[in-house]
Amino acid sequence: MRKTFILLLALLAVSFVYGQTDSLSKEERRALDSMFRNDEFIKLMMKKDKSYFDLGIGVGNSIFSINNNALNVEQAQTEKLYYVPSVGYYHKSGFSVSVNSFLADDKGSLKMYQWAISPAYVYSGKKISAGVSYTRFIEGSSTSFETSPFKNDIYGSFRYKKTWIEPGIATGIAFGRVKNYYDTTYWDTVHMRPVHLEKEIITRISGFSLTFSASHRFTFEKLLGRKDAMQIQPAILLNGSSQRWTTTYTPSRTPVLNLLKRKYGESGNTQFKIQSTAFMIDITYYYGKFYIQPQ
């Protein structure tokens, strides 16, 4: 790896000297310009921004958040696979909007149980990169499995790029509600008759997360041909979070209300604490206008 970096630095230095002495011939300059115009990866990495559409599909076992990994680790059910087709438009100014649909197998049938719209803004300069996004989750088909209780997700991140190891910080706030129904019949010993009880139970939940990171991005070009490249970004993460929930019952007065409160609770919270340290690696392989990005 060290030899690779030394070779890259040497190539950069040679390119710098050629640029300063202007020793390229007209034919060489035309060939170089042609390469920059036709190489999709080089065009992607050039400083000149460009608006574009992005079509893709993701596969994973996290459903709490599109961007917030610290929130996703709160998810208890991780053995199910979720499929997330997406379409997004990214303007050269940094603004973007994307639409994601969430599908999963439910007793042998593939259902779109949720979809989301997410406007965002990203700034990328020489020293820093920063972004903020808002995601609104909308219910789709009903399912037999539990889905995310969060309906709104606000996420922001900041990264300092001037050092070899780039420090970063990210924070997120998510909130939503879960609606359940309690339906039972009990015997009223005072009036000596059966009583049918229907009650709506609404739990409002909110979560806050904070992640500190340290990462570095490695770039490799022309691995299998002229049109491909790879970026590898390992990162060490320190995750912290807190949660709060409140449960209400409608109607609010029934003979068994205290029993329900003891069973389901009324409110509670977990104080902010460091919940985990983690190692994560993003790998992006480009070929022309296509890319694959396992994490």
Protein backbone atom coordinates (compact mmCIF):
# COMPACT_ATOMS: atom_id res chain seq x y z
CA MET A 1 0.00 0.00 0.00
CA ARG A 2 2.87 2.37 0.86
CA LYS A 3 4.43 1.77 -2.57
CA THR A 4 1.11 2.59 -4.21
CA PHE A 5 0.89 5.96 -2.39
CA ILE A 6 4.48 6.80 -3.30
CA LEU A 7 3.76 5.99 -6.95
CA LEU A 8 0.61 8.15 -6.89
CA LEU A 9 2.52 11.05 -5.34
CA ALA A 10 5.23 10.70 -7.95
CA LEU A 11 2.67 10.76 -10.74
CA LEU A 12 1.02 13.85 -9.25
CA ALA A 13 4.41 15.58 -9.01
CA VAL A 14 5.25 14.75 -12.63
CA SER A 15 1.87 16.05 -13.77
CA PHE A 16 2.49 19.26 -11.81
CA VAL A 17 5.88 19.80 -13.49
CA TYR A 18 4.43 19.18 -16.94
CA GLY A 19 1.68 21.71 -16.23
CA GLN A 20 4.14 24.36 -15.15
CA THR A 21 6.59 23.96 -18.05
CA ASP A 22 3.81 23.57 -20.63
CA SER A 23 5.82 20.90 -22.44
CA LEU A 24 2.79 19.11 -23.90
CA SER A 25 2.44 19.22 -27.66
CA LYS A 26 -0.83 20.11 -29.38
CA GLU A 27 -1.46 16.44 -30.15
CA GLU A 28 -0.81 15.45 -26.53
CA ARG A 29 -3.13 18.17 -25.24
CA ARG A 30 -5.87 17.04 -27.64
CA ALA A 31 -5.43 13.44 -26.48
CA LEU A 32 -5.57 14.54 -22.83
CA ASP A 33 -8.70 16.63 -23.41
CA SER A 34 -10.32 13.68 -25.19
CA MET A 35 -9.53 11.40 -22.25
CA PHE A 36 -11.14 13.82 -19.78
CA ARG A 37 -14.23 14.16 -21.97
CA ASN A 38 -14.72 10.41 -22.39
CA ASP A 39 -13.66 8.98 -19.03
CA GLU A 40 -16.85 8.93 -16.91
CA PHE A 41 -15.02 8.50 -13.61
CA ILE A 42 -12.68 11.45 -14.27
CA LYS A 43 -15.70 13.58 -15.18
CA LEU A 44 -17.36 12.49 -11.94
CA MET A 45 -14.32 13.44 -9.86
CA MET A 46 -13.58 16.75 -11.61
CA LYS A 47 -14.22 19.97 -9.71
CA LYS A 48 -16.75 21.22 -12.23
CA ASP A 49 -20.14 20.30 -10.81
CA LYS A 50 -22.84 18.70 -12.89
CA SER A 51 -26.56 18.04 -12.33
CA TYR A 52 -27.67 14.44 -12.78
CA PHE A 53 -30.29 11.77 -12.08
CA ASP A 54 -29.51 8.69 -10.02
CA LEU A 55 -31.45 5.42 -10.34
CA GLY A 56 -30.67 2.52 -8.04
CA ILE A 57 -31.77 -0.27 -5.75
CA GLY A 58 -30.47 -1.06 -2.28
CA VAL A 59 -30.65 -4.28 -0.26
CA GLY A 60 -30.16 -4.38 3.50
CA ASN A 61 -31.61 -5.22 6.90
CA SER A 62 -32.08 -1.69 8.30
CA ILE A 63 -35.35 0.25 8.07
CA PHE A 64 -35.13 3.03 10.66
CA SER A 65 -33.20 5.56 8.58
CA ILE A 66 -31.79 6.08 5.08
CA ASN A 67 -28.67 7.92 6.29
CA ASN A 68 -28.40 7.51 10.05
CA ASN A 69 -26.51 4.31 10.94
CA ALA A 70 -26.53 5.19 14.65
CA LEU A 71 -30.33 5.10 14.53
CA ASN A 72 -30.37 1.86 12.55
CA VAL A 73 -28.47 -0.03 15.25
CA GLU A 74 -31.48 0.46 17.55
CA GLN A 75 -33.44 -1.90 15.28
CA ALA A 76 -34.18 -5.23 16.95
CA GLN A 77 -35.32 -7.26 13.93
CA THR A 78 -32.37 -7.67 11.55
CA GLU A 79 -32.88 -11.12 10.00
CA LYS A 80 -35.24 -9.85 7.27
CA LEU A 81 -34.00 -8.38 3.98
CA TYR A 82 -35.49 -5.14 2.69
CA TYR A 83 -35.32 -3.92 -0.92
CA VAL A 84 -35.16 -0.18 -1.56
CA PRO A 85 -35.53 1.04 -5.17
CA SER A 86 -34.76 4.76 -5.45
CA VAL A 87 -34.70 7.66 -7.89
CA GLY A 88 -33.06 11.00 -7.17
CA TYR A 89 -32.20 14.28 -8.83
CA TYR A 90 -28.99 16.01 -7.72
CA HIS A 91 -28.52 19.62 -8.78
CA LYS A 92 -25.03 21.04 -9.23
CA SER A 93 -25.80 23.66 -6.57
CA GLY A 94 -25.87 20.91 -3.91
CA PHE A 95 -29.64 20.59 -3.55
CA SER A 96 -31.25 17.23 -4.23
CA VAL A 97 -34.46 15.28 -3.78
CA SER A 98 -34.87 11.52 -3.78
CA VAL A 99 -37.78 9.09 -3.52
CA ASN A 100 -37.33 5.63 -1.99
CA SER A 101 -39.76 2.74 -1.79
CA PHE A 102 -39.35 -0.07 0.76
CA LEU A 103 -40.29 -3.65 -0.12
CA ALA A 104 -40.03 -6.89 1.82
CA ASP A 105 -41.36 -10.44 1.70
CA ASP A 106 -44.48 -10.94 3.80
CA LYS A 107 -45.62 -14.57 3.94
CA GLY A 108 -44.51 -15.25 0.38
CA SER A 109 -45.72 -11.95 -1.09
CA LEU A 110 -43.49 -8.97 -1.88
CA LYS A 111 -45.11 -5.84 -0.43
CA MET A 112 -44.27 -2.16 -0.64
CA TYR A 113 -44.95 -1.35 2.98
CA GLN A 114 -43.42 2.15 3.04
CA TRP A 115 -41.97 4.86 0.85
CA ALA A 116 -40.08 8.05 1.59
CA ILE A 117 -39.26 11.43 0.08
CA SER A 118 -36.00 13.09 1.10
CA PRO A 119 -34.88 16.62 0.14
CA ALA A 120 -31.27 17.41 1.02
CA TYR A 121 -28.41 19.87 0.59
CA VAL A 122 -24.70 19.03 0.46
CA TYR A 123 -21.77 21.46 0.43
CA SER A 124 -18.36 20.19 -0.62
CA GLY A 125 -15.35 22.51 -0.51
CA LYS A 126 -11.60 22.04 -0.37
CA LYS A 127 -11.50 22.01 3.44
CA ILE A 128 -14.92 20.81 4.55
CA SER A 129 -17.97 18.93 3.40
CA ALA A 130 -21.32 19.22 5.13
CA GLY A 131 -24.87 18.14 4.45
CA VAL A 132 -28.36 18.12 5.86
CA SER A 133 -31.38 16.05 4.86
CA TYR A 134 -35.00 15.57 5.88
CA THR A 135 -36.83 12.30 5.24
CA ARG A 136 -40.59 11.86 5.44
CA PHE A 137 -41.74 8.24 5.67
CA ILE A 138 -45.23 7.39 4.37
CA GLU A 139 -47.09 4.17 5.12
CA GLY A 140 -47.85 1.72 2.32
CA SER A 141 -49.39 -1.75 2.47
CA SER A 142 -50.15 -3.32 5.83
CA THR A 143 -47.86 -6.17 6.86
CA SER A 144 -47.63 -8.92 9.45
CA PHE A 145 -44.15 -7.75 10.51
CA GLU A 146 -43.24 -4.63 12.47
CA THR A 147 -42.10 -1.57 10.55
CA SER A 148 -40.22 1.54 11.60
CA PRO A 149 -42.03 3.72 14.16
CA PHE A 150 -40.24 6.83 12.88
CA LYS A 151 -42.07 8.99 10.33
CA ASN A 152 -39.70 11.99 10.26
CA ASP A 153 -35.92 11.92 10.18
CA ILE A 154 -33.59 14.96 10.22
CA TYR A 155 -29.92 14.21 9.67
CA GLY A 156 -26.82 16.41 9.39
CA SER A 157 -23.13 15.67 8.96
CA PHE A 158 -19.82 17.57 8.85
CA ARG A 159 -16.35 16.40 7.76
CA TYR A 160 -12.98 18.19 7.77
CA LYS A 161 -10.94 17.16 4.71
CA LYS A 162 -7.57 18.90 5.05
CA THR A 163 -5.92 16.24 7.20
CA TRP A 164 -5.00 12.72 6.04
CA ILE A 165 -7.34 11.22 8.64
CA GLU A 166 -10.57 13.20 8.27
CA PRO A 167 -12.54 13.82 11.47
CA GLY A 168 -16.31 14.09 11.24
CA ILE A 169 -19.47 14.47 13.27
CA ALA A 170 -23.05 13.55 12.44
CA THR A 171 -26.30 14.02 14.32
CA GLY A 172 -29.88 12.98 13.78
CA ILE A 173 -33.32 13.57 15.22
CA ALA A 174 -36.18 11.19 14.39
CA PHE A 175 -39.75 11.08 15.63
CA GLY A 176 -43.02 9.34 14.89
CA ARG A 177 -45.83 7.35 16.45
CA VAL A 178 -47.20 3.82 16.62
CA LYS A 179 -50.95 3.09 16.80
CA ASN A 180 -52.29 -0.13 18.34
CA TYR A 181 -55.75 -1.32 19.35
CA TYR A 182 -56.72 -3.14 22.52
CA ASP A 183 -59.92 -5.19 22.11
CA THR A 184 -61.23 -7.38 24.93
CA THR A 185 -64.34 -8.39 26.85
CA TYR A 186 -64.42 -8.62 30.65
CA TRP A 187 -67.06 -9.41 33.30
CA ASP A 188 -68.35 -6.45 35.29
CA THR A 189 -68.78 -7.87 38.79
CA VAL A 190 -70.71 -4.78 39.98
CA HIS A 191 -73.45 -4.85 37.35
CA MET A 192 -73.04 -8.56 36.67
CA ARG A 193 -72.76 -8.30 32.90
CA PRO A 194 -70.08 -8.64 30.19
CA VAL A 195 -68.45 -5.44 28.98
CA HIS A 196 -66.76 -5.10 25.60
CA LEU A 197 -63.77 -2.77 25.68
CA GLU A 198 -62.11 -1.19 22.65
CA LYS A 199 -59.19 1.14 23.22
CA GLU A 200 -56.78 2.95 20.91
CA ILE A 201 -53.20 3.01 22.19
CA ILE A 202 -50.87 5.61 20.62
CA THR A 203 -47.17 5.65 21.43
CA ARG A 204 -45.16 8.69 20.36
CA ILE A 205 -41.43 8.06 20.11
CA SER A 206 -38.41 10.27 19.42
CA GLY A 207 -34.73 9.54 19.14
CA PHE A 208 -31.53 11.57 19.12
CA SER A 209 -28.17 10.29 17.89
CA LEU A 210 -24.63 11.62 17.73
CA THR A 211 -21.73 9.99 15.88
CA PHE A 212 -18.05 10.94 15.85
CA SER A 213 -15.94 9.49 13.04
CA ALA A 214 -12.38 9.32 11.72
CA SER A 215 -11.91 8.18 8.12
CA HIS A 216 -9.73 8.30 5.01
CA ARG A 217 -10.65 7.82 1.37
CA PHE A 218 -8.49 5.78 -1.01
CA THR A 219 -8.99 6.11 -4.77
CA PHE A 220 -7.80 3.63 -7.40
CA GLU A 221 -8.32 4.21 -11.13
CA LYS A 222 -8.33 1.93 -14.19
CA LEU A 223 -8.33 -1.37 -12.33
CA LEU A 224 -9.84 -3.55 -15.06
CA GLY A 225 -10.08 -1.03 -17.89
CA ARG A 226 -10.12 2.65 -18.81
CA LYS A 227 -13.64 3.27 -17.53
CA ASP A 228 -13.52 1.82 -14.04
CA ALA A 229 -12.29 2.99 -10.64
CA MET A 230 -12.75 2.24 -6.97
CA GLN A 231 -13.03 4.28 -3.79
CA ILE A 232 -12.51 2.67 -0.37
CA GLN A 233 -13.31 4.63 2.78
CA PRO A 234 -12.71 2.89 6.13
CA ALA A 235 -13.97 4.69 9.22
CA ILE A 236 -13.95 4.30 13.00
CA LEU A 237 -17.23 5.41 14.61
CA LEU A 238 -18.28 6.33 18.13
CA ASN A 239 -22.08 6.22 18.46
CA GLY A 240 -24.28 7.72 21.15
CA SER A 241 -28.06 8.07 21.42
CA SER A 242 -31.09 8.73 23.59
CA GLN A 243 -34.80 7.96 23.21
CA ARG A 244 -38.11 9.13 24.65
CA TRP A 245 -41.63 7.73 24.35
CA THR A 246 -45.11 8.69 25.56
CA THR A 247 -48.21 6.45 25.48
CA THR A 248 -51.79 7.74 25.50
CA TYR A 249 -55.10 5.86 25.62
CA THR A 250 -58.45 6.74 24.01
CA PRO A 251 -60.96 6.78 25.61
CA SER A 252 -58.97 7.92 28.62
CA ARG A 253 -61.32 6.60 31.33
CA THR A 254 -62.18 2.93 31.67
CA PRO A 255 -62.24 0.49 34.59
CA VAL A 256 -59.15 -1.29 33.26
CA LEU A 257 -57.12 1.80 32.40
CA ASN A 258 -54.68 1.24 35.26
CA LEU A 259 -54.15 -2.34 34.10
CA LEU A 260 -53.33 -1.11 30.61
CA LYS A 261 -50.95 1.50 31.95
CA ARG A 262 -49.13 -1.12 33.96
CA LYS A 263 -48.88 -3.33 30.88
CA TYR A 264 -47.95 -0.75 28.22
CA GLY A 265 -46.64 2.13 30.35
CA GLU A 266 -47.24 5.86 29.97
CA SER A 267 -43.88 7.46 29.27
CA GLY A 268 -40.18 6.86 29.62
CA ASN A 269 -36.80 7.81 28.31
CA THR A 270 -33.23 6.61 28.06
CA GLN A 271 -30.58 9.16 28.89
CA PHE A 272 -27.94 9.96 26.30
CA LYS A 273 -25.07 7.50 26.44
CA ILE A 274 -22.31 6.08 24.26
CA GLN A 275 -23.88 2.91 22.90
CA SER A 276 -21.16 1.47 20.66
CA THR A 277 -17.90 1.82 18.83
CA ALA A 278 -17.74 0.48 15.31
CA PHE A 279 -15.57 -0.04 12.27
CA MET A 280 -17.25 0.63 8.93
CA ILE A 281 -15.98 0.49 5.37
CA ASP A 282 -17.63 1.98 2.28
CA ILE A 283 -16.53 0.48 -1.04
CA THR A 284 -17.66 2.12 -4.28
CA TYR A 285 -16.78 0.55 -7.60
CA TYR A 286 -17.46 2.66 -10.71
CA TYR A 287 -17.73 1.51 -14.29
CA GLY A 288 -18.73 4.29 -16.65
CA LYS A 289 -22.03 5.69 -15.37
CA PHE A 290 -22.77 2.66 -13.19
CA TYR A 291 -21.60 1.96 -9.66
CA ILE A 292 -22.07 -0.57 -6.85
CA GLN A 293 -21.63 0.47 -3.20
CA PRO A 294 -21.50 -2.20 -0.50
CA GLN A 295 -21.12 -1.03 3.10
